[in-house]
Amino acid sequence: MKFKGSIRIIIFLLVLAANVIVDQETKAMMRRHINIYDQYHFFNNHVTLLRVENTGAFLSLGDKLVQPFRFIVLTLIPVLALAGALVYSLAKKGLSNLMVTGIIFCIGGGVGNLYDRITKGSVTDFIHLKFGPLQTGIFNAADVSIMIGVSLIVLDTFLRRKENKEAEEPFVVKENTVE
């Protein structure tokens, strides 16, 4: 089912708002209840909750940049990218619901982290996962939204490519032979 017009925009804004609200509420809860660098381990130490204030971007990249480069890289470029993605996803005709949902999740996560960076000077990260030798950096709900969004966009691209490939394949007509 393809959503169109104002229904599409309303659903878009509701999903976007839900992403930002969940992100901001989980971060506020962590700031209220967990002191910086306190650690709480769950599920046989596979999940750790700890509060870290990240002054950079993904995995603290850019946290040592000096002004004005810091502002440009960590605030201005993300604002322009999010605004561009918002305009693109609202205006572009023919995008699948899966693609639009992926874009919305990416925008929602980006807005959540950008809001923290602008209003608090850092982004609150609080989840760490470890499974044997595999482990994540410390992340938050906004990062999860971005990863879900990217996964949906990749899935949509894969499904569309598969559909296009199947549509391009010539029909093979088998001849009936009588023996």
N, C-alpha and C. Protein backbone atom coordinates (compact mmCIF):
# COMPACT_ATOMS: atom_id res chain seq x y z
N MET A 1 0.85 -1.18 0.00
CA MET A 1 0.00 0.00 0.00
C MET A 1 0.89 1.23 0.00
N LYS A 2 0.60 2.16 -0.88
CA LYS A 2 1.39 3.37 -1.03
C LYS A 2 0.64 4.53 -0.38
N PHE A 3 1.29 5.19 0.57
CA PHE A 3 0.69 6.36 1.20
C PHE A 3 0.99 7.58 0.36
N LYS A 4 -0.02 8.44 0.19
CA LYS A 4 0.15 9.63 -0.65
C LYS A 4 -0.39 10.86 0.05
N GLY A 5 0.08 12.00 -0.42
CA GLY A 5 -0.45 13.28 0.03
C GLY A 5 -0.26 13.55 1.51
N SER A 6 -1.29 14.11 2.10
CA SER A 6 -1.20 14.54 3.50
C SER A 6 -1.10 13.35 4.46
N ILE A 7 -1.69 12.20 4.11
CA ILE A 7 -1.57 11.01 4.95
C ILE A 7 -0.10 10.61 5.06
N ARG A 8 0.59 10.64 3.93
CA ARG A 8 2.02 10.30 3.91
C ARG A 8 2.81 11.25 4.81
N ILE A 9 2.52 12.54 4.72
CA ILE A 9 3.24 13.53 5.52
C ILE A 9 2.95 13.34 7.01
N ILE A 10 1.69 13.07 7.35
CA ILE A 10 1.33 12.86 8.76
C ILE A 10 2.04 11.63 9.32
N ILE A 11 2.02 10.52 8.59
CA ILE A 11 2.70 9.30 9.03
C ILE A 11 4.20 9.56 9.14
N PHE A 12 4.75 10.25 8.16
CA PHE A 12 6.16 10.61 8.15
C PHE A 12 6.51 11.37 9.43
N LEU A 13 5.73 12.40 9.75
CA LEU A 13 6.02 13.23 10.92
C LEU A 13 5.81 12.47 12.23
N LEU A 14 4.83 11.57 12.27
CA LEU A 14 4.61 10.77 13.48
C LEU A 14 5.78 9.81 13.74
N VAL A 15 6.25 9.15 12.71
CA VAL A 15 7.39 8.24 12.86
C VAL A 15 8.65 9.03 13.23
N LEU A 16 8.83 10.17 12.60
CA LEU A 16 9.97 11.03 12.91
C LEU A 16 9.92 11.48 14.36
N ALA A 17 8.75 11.96 14.80
CA ALA A 17 8.59 12.41 16.18
C ALA A 17 8.82 11.26 17.17
N ALA A 18 8.31 10.08 16.85
CA ALA A 18 8.50 8.93 17.74
C ALA A 18 9.98 8.61 17.89
N ASN A 19 10.74 8.66 16.81
CA ASN A 19 12.18 8.41 16.87
C ASN A 19 12.87 9.42 17.78
N VAL A 20 12.57 10.68 17.60
CA VAL A 20 13.22 11.73 18.39
C VAL A 20 12.80 11.63 19.86
N ILE A 21 11.53 11.38 20.12
CA ILE A 21 11.04 11.30 21.51
C ILE A 21 11.66 10.12 22.24
N VAL A 22 11.68 8.95 21.61
CA VAL A 22 12.30 7.77 22.25
C VAL A 22 13.77 8.06 22.55
N ASP A 23 14.47 8.64 21.58
CA ASP A 23 15.88 8.96 21.79
C ASP A 23 16.06 9.93 22.95
N GLN A 24 15.33 11.02 22.94
CA GLN A 24 15.50 12.05 23.98
C GLN A 24 15.08 11.54 25.35
N GLU A 25 14.04 10.73 25.42
CA GLU A 25 13.60 10.19 26.71
C GLU A 25 14.61 9.19 27.28
N THR A 26 15.17 8.34 26.43
CA THR A 26 16.16 7.38 26.94
C THR A 26 17.42 8.10 27.41
N LYS A 27 17.84 9.12 26.67
CA LYS A 27 19.02 9.89 27.09
C LYS A 27 18.74 10.63 28.40
N ALA A 28 17.56 11.24 28.53
CA ALA A 28 17.20 11.95 29.77
C ALA A 28 17.18 10.98 30.95
N MET A 29 16.65 9.79 30.74
CA MET A 29 16.61 8.79 31.79
C MET A 29 18.03 8.41 32.22
N MET A 30 18.92 8.23 31.28
CA MET A 30 20.31 7.90 31.60
C MET A 30 20.97 9.04 32.36
N ARG A 31 20.74 10.28 31.92
CA ARG A 31 21.34 11.43 32.61
C ARG A 31 20.81 11.57 34.03
N ARG A 32 19.54 11.21 34.25
CA ARG A 32 18.95 11.30 35.59
C ARG A 32 19.42 10.20 36.52
N HIS A 33 19.62 9.01 36.01
CA HIS A 33 19.81 7.84 36.87
C HIS A 33 21.21 7.22 36.86
N ILE A 34 22.04 7.57 35.91
CA ILE A 34 23.36 6.97 35.84
C ILE A 34 24.41 8.08 35.83
N ASN A 35 25.34 7.99 36.76
CA ASN A 35 26.44 8.94 36.80
C ASN A 35 27.43 8.61 35.69
N ILE A 36 28.21 9.60 35.30
CA ILE A 36 29.20 9.41 34.24
C ILE A 36 30.11 8.24 34.63
N TYR A 37 30.27 7.32 33.70
CA TYR A 37 31.16 6.17 33.79
C TYR A 37 30.75 5.09 34.81
N ASP A 38 29.59 5.25 35.47
CA ASP A 38 29.06 4.12 36.25
C ASP A 38 28.68 3.03 35.25
N GLN A 39 28.82 1.78 35.64
CA GLN A 39 28.53 0.69 34.72
C GLN A 39 27.58 -0.31 35.37
N TYR A 40 26.59 -0.74 34.60
CA TYR A 40 25.63 -1.76 35.03
C TYR A 40 25.62 -2.84 33.96
N HIS A 41 25.94 -4.07 34.38
CA HIS A 41 26.06 -5.18 33.44
C HIS A 41 24.82 -6.08 33.50
N PHE A 42 24.39 -6.54 32.33
CA PHE A 42 23.22 -7.40 32.21
C PHE A 42 23.53 -8.55 31.26
N PHE A 43 22.72 -9.61 31.36
CA PHE A 43 22.79 -10.75 30.46
C PHE A 43 24.22 -11.30 30.36
N ASN A 44 24.74 -11.66 31.55
CA ASN A 44 26.06 -12.29 31.61
C ASN A 44 27.15 -11.38 31.01
N ASN A 45 27.03 -10.10 31.28
CA ASN A 45 27.98 -9.07 30.81
C ASN A 45 27.98 -8.84 29.30
N HIS A 46 26.94 -9.28 28.63
CA HIS A 46 26.85 -9.02 27.19
C HIS A 46 26.32 -7.62 26.91
N VAL A 47 25.55 -7.07 27.83
CA VAL A 47 24.99 -5.72 27.69
C VAL A 47 25.45 -4.89 28.88
N THR A 48 26.02 -3.74 28.59
CA THR A 48 26.45 -2.84 29.64
C THR A 48 25.78 -1.49 29.43
N LEU A 49 25.20 -0.95 30.50
CA LEU A 49 24.69 0.42 30.48
C LEU A 49 25.71 1.28 31.21
N LEU A 50 26.17 2.31 30.56
CA LEU A 50 27.07 3.28 31.15
C LEU A 50 26.85 4.60 30.43
N ARG A 51 27.08 5.68 31.11
CA ARG A 51 26.82 6.99 30.52
C ARG A 51 28.13 7.65 30.13
N VAL A 52 28.22 8.00 28.86
CA VAL A 52 29.38 8.70 28.33
C VAL A 52 28.87 9.91 27.57
N GLU A 53 29.52 11.04 27.74
CA GLU A 53 29.17 12.24 26.98
C GLU A 53 30.15 12.36 25.83
N ASN A 54 29.67 12.15 24.62
CA ASN A 54 30.49 12.13 23.42
C ASN A 54 30.48 13.52 22.78
N THR A 55 31.63 14.18 22.75
CA THR A 55 31.71 15.52 22.17
C THR A 55 32.00 15.49 20.68
N GLY A 56 32.21 14.30 20.13
CA GLY A 56 32.45 14.17 18.71
C GLY A 56 31.25 13.56 18.02
N ALA A 57 31.51 12.94 16.90
CA ALA A 57 30.46 12.25 16.14
C ALA A 57 30.62 10.76 16.40
N PHE A 58 30.29 9.94 15.42
CA PHE A 58 30.38 8.49 15.52
C PHE A 58 31.74 8.07 16.07
N LEU A 59 31.73 7.27 17.16
CA LEU A 59 32.94 6.79 17.83
C LEU A 59 33.89 7.94 18.20
N SER A 60 33.33 9.09 18.55
CA SER A 60 34.07 10.29 18.99
C SER A 60 34.89 10.94 17.89
N LEU A 61 34.64 10.57 16.64
CA LEU A 61 35.38 11.21 15.55
C LEU A 61 35.09 12.71 15.55
N GLY A 62 36.11 13.50 15.42
CA GLY A 62 35.95 14.95 15.34
C GLY A 62 35.94 15.65 16.68
N ASP A 63 36.08 14.92 17.79
CA ASP A 63 36.00 15.58 19.09
C ASP A 63 37.19 16.49 19.36
N LYS A 64 38.26 16.34 18.61
CA LYS A 64 39.45 17.19 18.81
C LYS A 64 39.53 18.33 17.79
N LEU A 65 38.54 18.47 16.92
CA LEU A 65 38.56 19.56 15.94
C LEU A 65 38.46 20.91 16.63
N VAL A 66 39.12 21.89 16.05
CA VAL A 66 39.04 23.26 16.57
C VAL A 66 37.97 24.03 15.82
N GLN A 67 37.47 25.10 16.44
CA GLN A 67 36.49 25.95 15.79
C GLN A 67 37.18 26.70 14.66
N PRO A 68 36.58 27.02 13.57
CA PRO A 68 35.19 26.82 13.19
C PRO A 68 34.93 25.46 12.54
N PHE A 69 36.01 24.66 12.36
CA PHE A 69 35.87 23.35 11.70
C PHE A 69 34.93 22.43 12.47
N ARG A 70 35.00 22.50 13.79
CA ARG A 70 34.13 21.68 14.64
C ARG A 70 32.67 22.00 14.37
N PHE A 71 32.34 23.29 14.32
CA PHE A 71 30.96 23.72 14.04
C PHE A 71 30.53 23.26 12.65
N ILE A 72 31.40 23.44 11.67
CA ILE A 72 31.06 23.08 10.29
C ILE A 72 30.82 21.58 10.16
N VAL A 73 31.75 20.78 10.69
CA VAL A 73 31.68 19.32 10.52
C VAL A 73 30.61 18.68 11.40
N LEU A 74 30.47 19.15 12.63
CA LEU A 74 29.57 18.48 13.58
C LEU A 74 28.19 19.11 13.70
N THR A 75 28.00 20.31 13.15
CA THR A 75 26.69 20.96 13.25
C THR A 75 26.15 21.38 11.89
N LEU A 76 26.88 22.22 11.18
CA LEU A 76 26.37 22.79 9.93
C LEU A 76 26.11 21.73 8.86
N ILE A 77 27.08 20.88 8.61
CA ILE A 77 26.91 19.84 7.58
C ILE A 77 25.77 18.88 7.95
N PRO A 78 25.70 18.40 9.21
CA PRO A 78 24.55 17.56 9.57
C PRO A 78 23.19 18.26 9.43
N VAL A 79 23.11 19.54 9.79
CA VAL A 79 21.84 20.28 9.63
C VAL A 79 21.46 20.31 8.16
N LEU A 80 22.40 20.63 7.29
CA LEU A 80 22.12 20.69 5.85
C LEU A 80 21.74 19.31 5.30
N ALA A 81 22.44 18.27 5.75
CA ALA A 81 22.13 16.91 5.28
C ALA A 81 20.74 16.47 5.73
N LEU A 82 20.39 16.75 6.98
CA LEU A 82 19.06 16.37 7.49
C LEU A 82 17.96 17.14 6.79
N ALA A 83 18.18 18.44 6.57
CA ALA A 83 17.18 19.25 5.86
C ALA A 83 17.02 18.75 4.43
N GLY A 84 18.14 18.43 3.79
CA GLY A 84 18.08 17.90 2.42
C GLY A 84 17.35 16.57 2.35
N ALA A 85 17.62 15.69 3.31
CA ALA A 85 16.94 14.39 3.35
C ALA A 85 15.45 14.56 3.59
N LEU A 86 15.09 15.50 4.44
CA LEU A 86 13.68 15.76 4.73
C LEU A 86 12.96 16.26 3.47
N VAL A 87 13.54 17.24 2.81
CA VAL A 87 12.93 17.78 1.58
C VAL A 87 12.85 16.69 0.51
N TYR A 88 13.93 15.95 0.33
CA TYR A 88 13.96 14.89 -0.67
C TYR A 88 12.86 13.86 -0.42
N SER A 89 12.75 13.39 0.81
CA SER A 89 11.80 12.31 1.09
C SER A 89 10.35 12.79 1.02
N LEU A 90 10.11 14.06 1.28
CA LEU A 90 8.74 14.58 1.17
C LEU A 90 8.38 14.91 -0.28
N ALA A 91 9.35 15.38 -1.05
CA ALA A 91 9.06 15.86 -2.40
C ALA A 91 9.22 14.81 -3.48
N LYS A 92 10.09 13.86 -3.29
CA LYS A 92 10.39 12.88 -4.34
C LYS A 92 9.22 11.92 -4.54
N LYS A 93 8.77 11.86 -5.76
CA LYS A 93 7.69 10.94 -6.12
C LYS A 93 8.27 9.56 -6.42
N GLY A 94 7.50 8.54 -6.12
CA GLY A 94 7.90 7.19 -6.48
C GLY A 94 8.77 6.46 -5.47
N LEU A 95 9.06 7.10 -4.34
CA LEU A 95 9.83 6.39 -3.31
C LEU A 95 8.92 5.36 -2.65
N SER A 96 9.45 4.19 -2.40
CA SER A 96 8.66 3.15 -1.73
C SER A 96 8.48 3.51 -0.26
N ASN A 97 7.47 2.92 0.36
CA ASN A 97 7.26 3.13 1.80
C ASN A 97 8.47 2.67 2.60
N LEU A 98 9.11 1.59 2.16
CA LEU A 98 10.29 1.08 2.86
C LEU A 98 11.43 2.10 2.79
N MET A 99 11.65 2.68 1.62
CA MET A 99 12.71 3.68 1.46
C MET A 99 12.42 4.92 2.31
N VAL A 100 11.18 5.39 2.27
CA VAL A 100 10.80 6.58 3.05
C VAL A 100 10.95 6.29 4.54
N THR A 101 10.55 5.11 4.97
CA THR A 101 10.69 4.75 6.39
C THR A 101 12.16 4.74 6.79
N GLY A 102 13.01 4.19 5.94
CA GLY A 102 14.44 4.19 6.22
C GLY A 102 14.99 5.60 6.34
N ILE A 103 14.59 6.47 5.43
CA ILE A 103 15.05 7.87 5.48
C ILE A 103 14.54 8.54 6.75
N ILE A 104 13.29 8.29 7.12
CA ILE A 104 12.72 8.89 8.33
C ILE A 104 13.51 8.45 9.56
N PHE A 105 13.83 7.17 9.67
CA PHE A 105 14.60 6.68 10.81
C PHE A 105 15.98 7.35 10.86
N CYS A 106 16.63 7.50 9.72
CA CYS A 106 17.93 8.17 9.69
C CYS A 106 17.80 9.63 10.12
N ILE A 107 16.79 10.31 9.62
CA ILE A 107 16.57 11.71 10.01
C ILE A 107 16.27 11.80 11.50
N GLY A 108 15.41 10.93 12.01
CA GLY A 108 15.06 10.94 13.43
C GLY A 108 16.28 10.76 14.32
N GLY A 109 17.12 9.80 13.99
CA GLY A 109 18.34 9.59 14.76
C GLY A 109 19.29 10.77 14.65
N GLY A 110 19.41 11.30 13.46
CA GLY A 110 20.28 12.47 13.26
C GLY A 110 19.79 13.68 14.04
N VAL A 111 18.49 13.91 14.03
CA VAL A 111 17.92 15.04 14.77
C VAL A 111 18.17 14.87 16.27
N GLY A 112 17.96 13.65 16.78
CA GLY A 112 18.17 13.40 18.20
C GLY A 112 19.59 13.70 18.64
N ASN A 113 20.56 13.22 17.88
CA ASN A 113 21.96 13.46 18.24
C ASN A 113 22.36 14.92 18.02
N LEU A 114 21.87 15.52 16.95
CA LEU A 114 22.19 16.92 16.67
C LEU A 114 21.60 17.84 17.73
N TYR A 115 20.40 17.53 18.18
CA TYR A 115 19.77 18.33 19.24
C TYR A 115 20.64 18.33 20.49
N ASP A 116 21.13 17.16 20.88
CA ASP A 116 22.02 17.06 22.05
C ASP A 116 23.29 17.88 21.84
N ARG A 117 23.88 17.73 20.67
CA ARG A 117 25.14 18.42 20.39
C ARG A 117 24.96 19.93 20.48
N ILE A 118 23.83 20.43 19.96
CA ILE A 118 23.58 21.88 19.98
C ILE A 118 23.21 22.37 21.37
N THR A 119 22.32 21.65 22.07
CA THR A 119 21.82 22.15 23.36
C THR A 119 22.69 21.78 24.55
N LYS A 120 23.44 20.68 24.47
CA LYS A 120 24.22 20.23 25.62
C LYS A 120 25.72 20.22 25.38
N GLY A 121 26.13 20.39 24.14
CA GLY A 121 27.55 20.38 23.81
C GLY A 121 28.13 18.99 23.64
N SER A 122 27.32 17.96 23.88
CA SER A 122 27.77 16.57 23.71
C SER A 122 26.55 15.68 23.51
N VAL A 123 26.80 14.47 23.07
CA VAL A 123 25.74 13.50 22.86
C VAL A 123 25.88 12.41 23.92
N THR A 124 24.78 12.10 24.59
CA THR A 124 24.78 11.07 25.62
C THR A 124 24.68 9.69 24.98
N ASP A 125 25.71 8.88 25.17
CA ASP A 125 25.72 7.48 24.73
C ASP A 125 25.68 6.61 25.96
N PHE A 126 25.05 5.41 25.85
CA PHE A 126 24.86 4.63 27.08
C PHE A 126 24.76 3.13 26.94
N ILE A 127 24.86 2.58 25.75
CA ILE A 127 24.73 1.13 25.58
C ILE A 127 26.01 0.57 24.95
N HIS A 128 26.48 -0.53 25.50
CA HIS A 128 27.63 -1.24 24.94
C HIS A 128 27.26 -2.72 24.88
N LEU A 129 27.50 -3.35 23.74
CA LEU A 129 27.21 -4.78 23.56
C LEU A 129 28.52 -5.52 23.32
N LYS A 130 28.60 -6.72 23.92
CA LYS A 130 29.79 -7.54 23.74
C LYS A 130 29.38 -9.01 23.66
N PHE A 131 29.77 -9.65 22.57
CA PHE A 131 29.50 -11.07 22.37
C PHE A 131 30.80 -11.73 21.92
N GLY A 132 31.49 -12.32 22.89
CA GLY A 132 32.79 -12.91 22.59
C GLY A 132 33.74 -11.83 22.14
N PRO A 133 34.43 -12.07 21.02
CA PRO A 133 35.38 -11.05 20.55
C PRO A 133 34.69 -9.87 19.86
N LEU A 134 33.42 -10.00 19.56
CA LEU A 134 32.69 -8.93 18.88
C LEU A 134 32.10 -7.97 19.91
N GLN A 135 32.32 -6.68 19.68
CA GLN A 135 31.71 -5.69 20.56
C GLN A 135 31.47 -4.41 19.80
N THR A 136 30.56 -3.62 20.33
CA THR A 136 30.20 -2.35 19.71
C THR A 136 30.93 -1.23 20.43
N GLY A 137 30.88 -0.04 19.82
CA GLY A 137 31.22 1.16 20.55
C GLY A 137 30.04 1.46 21.46
N ILE A 138 30.13 2.53 22.22
CA ILE A 138 29.02 2.93 23.09
C ILE A 138 28.08 3.77 22.23
N PHE A 139 26.79 3.43 22.27
CA PHE A 139 25.82 4.07 21.39
C PHE A 139 24.55 4.42 22.14
N ASN A 140 23.57 5.00 21.42
CA ASN A 140 22.30 5.41 22.02
C ASN A 140 21.15 5.06 21.08
N ALA A 141 19.94 5.43 21.46
CA ALA A 141 18.75 5.10 20.66
C ALA A 141 18.77 5.79 19.30
N ALA A 142 19.34 6.99 19.22
CA ALA A 142 19.44 7.67 17.93
C ALA A 142 20.31 6.88 16.96
N ASP A 143 21.40 6.33 17.48
CA ASP A 143 22.28 5.51 16.65
C ASP A 143 21.55 4.26 16.16
N VAL A 144 20.72 3.68 17.02
CA VAL A 144 19.92 2.51 16.62
C VAL A 144 18.96 2.92 15.50
N SER A 145 18.32 4.08 15.63
CA SER A 145 17.42 4.56 14.58
C SER A 145 18.16 4.71 13.25
N ILE A 146 19.35 5.28 13.31
CA ILE A 146 20.14 5.46 12.09
C ILE A 146 20.49 4.11 11.47
N MET A 147 20.89 3.15 12.28
CA MET A 147 21.25 1.83 11.76
C MET A 147 20.02 1.11 11.18
N ILE A 148 18.88 1.24 11.83
CA ILE A 148 17.64 0.66 11.28
C ILE A 148 17.32 1.33 9.95
N GLY A 149 17.44 2.65 9.92
CA GLY A 149 17.16 3.39 8.69
C GLY A 149 18.06 2.98 7.54
N VAL A 150 19.35 2.89 7.79
CA VAL A 150 20.29 2.48 6.76
C VAL A 150 19.98 1.05 6.30
N SER A 151 19.65 0.17 7.23
CA SER A 151 19.30 -1.21 6.87
C SER A 151 18.06 -1.26 5.98
N LEU A 152 17.06 -0.44 6.30
CA LEU A 152 15.84 -0.40 5.47
C LEU A 152 16.13 0.15 4.07
N ILE A 153 16.99 1.16 3.99
CA ILE A 153 17.36 1.72 2.69
C ILE A 153 18.11 0.69 1.86
N VAL A 154 19.04 -0.03 2.47
CA VAL A 154 19.79 -1.08 1.76
C VAL A 154 18.83 -2.19 1.32
N LEU A 155 17.92 -2.60 2.21
CA LEU A 155 16.95 -3.64 1.87
C LEU A 155 16.08 -3.19 0.70
N ASP A 156 15.60 -1.96 0.74
CA ASP A 156 14.77 -1.44 -0.35
C ASP A 156 15.55 -1.44 -1.67
N THR A 157 16.80 -1.00 -1.61
CA THR A 157 17.64 -0.98 -2.81
C THR A 157 17.81 -2.39 -3.37
N PHE A 158 18.06 -3.35 -2.49
CA PHE A 158 18.21 -4.74 -2.91
C PHE A 158 16.92 -5.27 -3.54
N LEU A 159 15.78 -5.02 -2.88
CA LEU A 159 14.50 -5.50 -3.40
C LEU A 159 14.16 -4.86 -4.74
N ARG A 160 14.41 -3.57 -4.87
CA ARG A 160 14.14 -2.87 -6.14
C ARG A 160 15.04 -3.39 -7.26
N ARG A 161 16.31 -3.61 -6.93
CA ARG A 161 17.24 -4.13 -7.94
C ARG A 161 16.79 -5.50 -8.40
N LYS A 162 16.34 -6.33 -7.44
CA LYS A 162 15.85 -7.66 -7.78
C LYS A 162 14.60 -7.57 -8.66
N GLU A 163 13.67 -6.66 -8.30
CA GLU A 163 12.45 -6.47 -9.11
C GLU A 163 12.81 -6.00 -10.51
N ASN A 164 13.72 -5.05 -10.62
CA ASN A 164 14.12 -4.52 -11.93
C ASN A 164 14.80 -5.59 -12.77
N LYS A 165 15.62 -6.41 -12.13
CA LYS A 165 16.31 -7.47 -12.85
C LYS A 165 15.31 -8.49 -13.38
N GLU A 166 14.33 -8.85 -12.54
CA GLU A 166 13.31 -9.80 -12.98
C GLU A 166 12.45 -9.22 -14.10
N ALA A 167 12.19 -7.92 -14.06
CA ALA A 167 11.38 -7.28 -15.10
C ALA A 167 12.13 -7.20 -16.42
N GLU A 168 13.46 -7.11 -16.37
CA GLU A 168 14.26 -7.01 -17.58
C GLU A 168 14.51 -8.35 -18.24
N GLU A 169 14.41 -9.44 -17.50
CA GLU A 169 14.69 -10.76 -18.07
C GLU A 169 13.66 -11.07 -19.16
N PRO A 170 14.15 -11.50 -20.31
CA PRO A 170 13.21 -11.83 -21.39
C PRO A 170 12.44 -13.10 -21.06
N PHE A 171 11.23 -13.12 -21.53
CA PHE A 171 10.41 -14.31 -21.34
C PHE A 171 10.91 -15.39 -22.29
N VAL A 172 11.08 -16.55 -21.77
CA VAL A 172 11.53 -17.67 -22.59
C VAL A 172 10.31 -18.47 -22.97
N VAL A 173 10.13 -18.61 -24.26
CA VAL A 173 8.99 -19.39 -24.79
C VAL A 173 9.51 -20.76 -25.16
N LYS A 174 8.94 -21.76 -24.56
CA LYS A 174 9.34 -23.12 -24.87
C LYS A 174 8.49 -23.63 -26.03
N GLU A 175 9.17 -24.23 -26.95
CA GLU A 175 8.44 -24.79 -28.08
C GLU A 175 7.89 -26.16 -27.71
N ASN A 176 6.67 -26.40 -28.11
CA ASN A 176 6.10 -27.72 -27.90
C ASN A 176 6.49 -28.58 -29.10
N THR A 177 7.10 -29.65 -28.80
CA THR A 177 7.47 -30.56 -29.88
C THR A 177 6.65 -31.82 -29.75
N VAL A 178 6.23 -32.32 -30.87
CA VAL A 178 5.45 -33.54 -30.88
C VAL A 178 6.35 -34.63 -31.44
N GLU A 179 6.43 -35.70 -30.72
CA GLU A 179 7.27 -36.80 -31.19
C GLU A 179 6.44 -37.97 -31.56
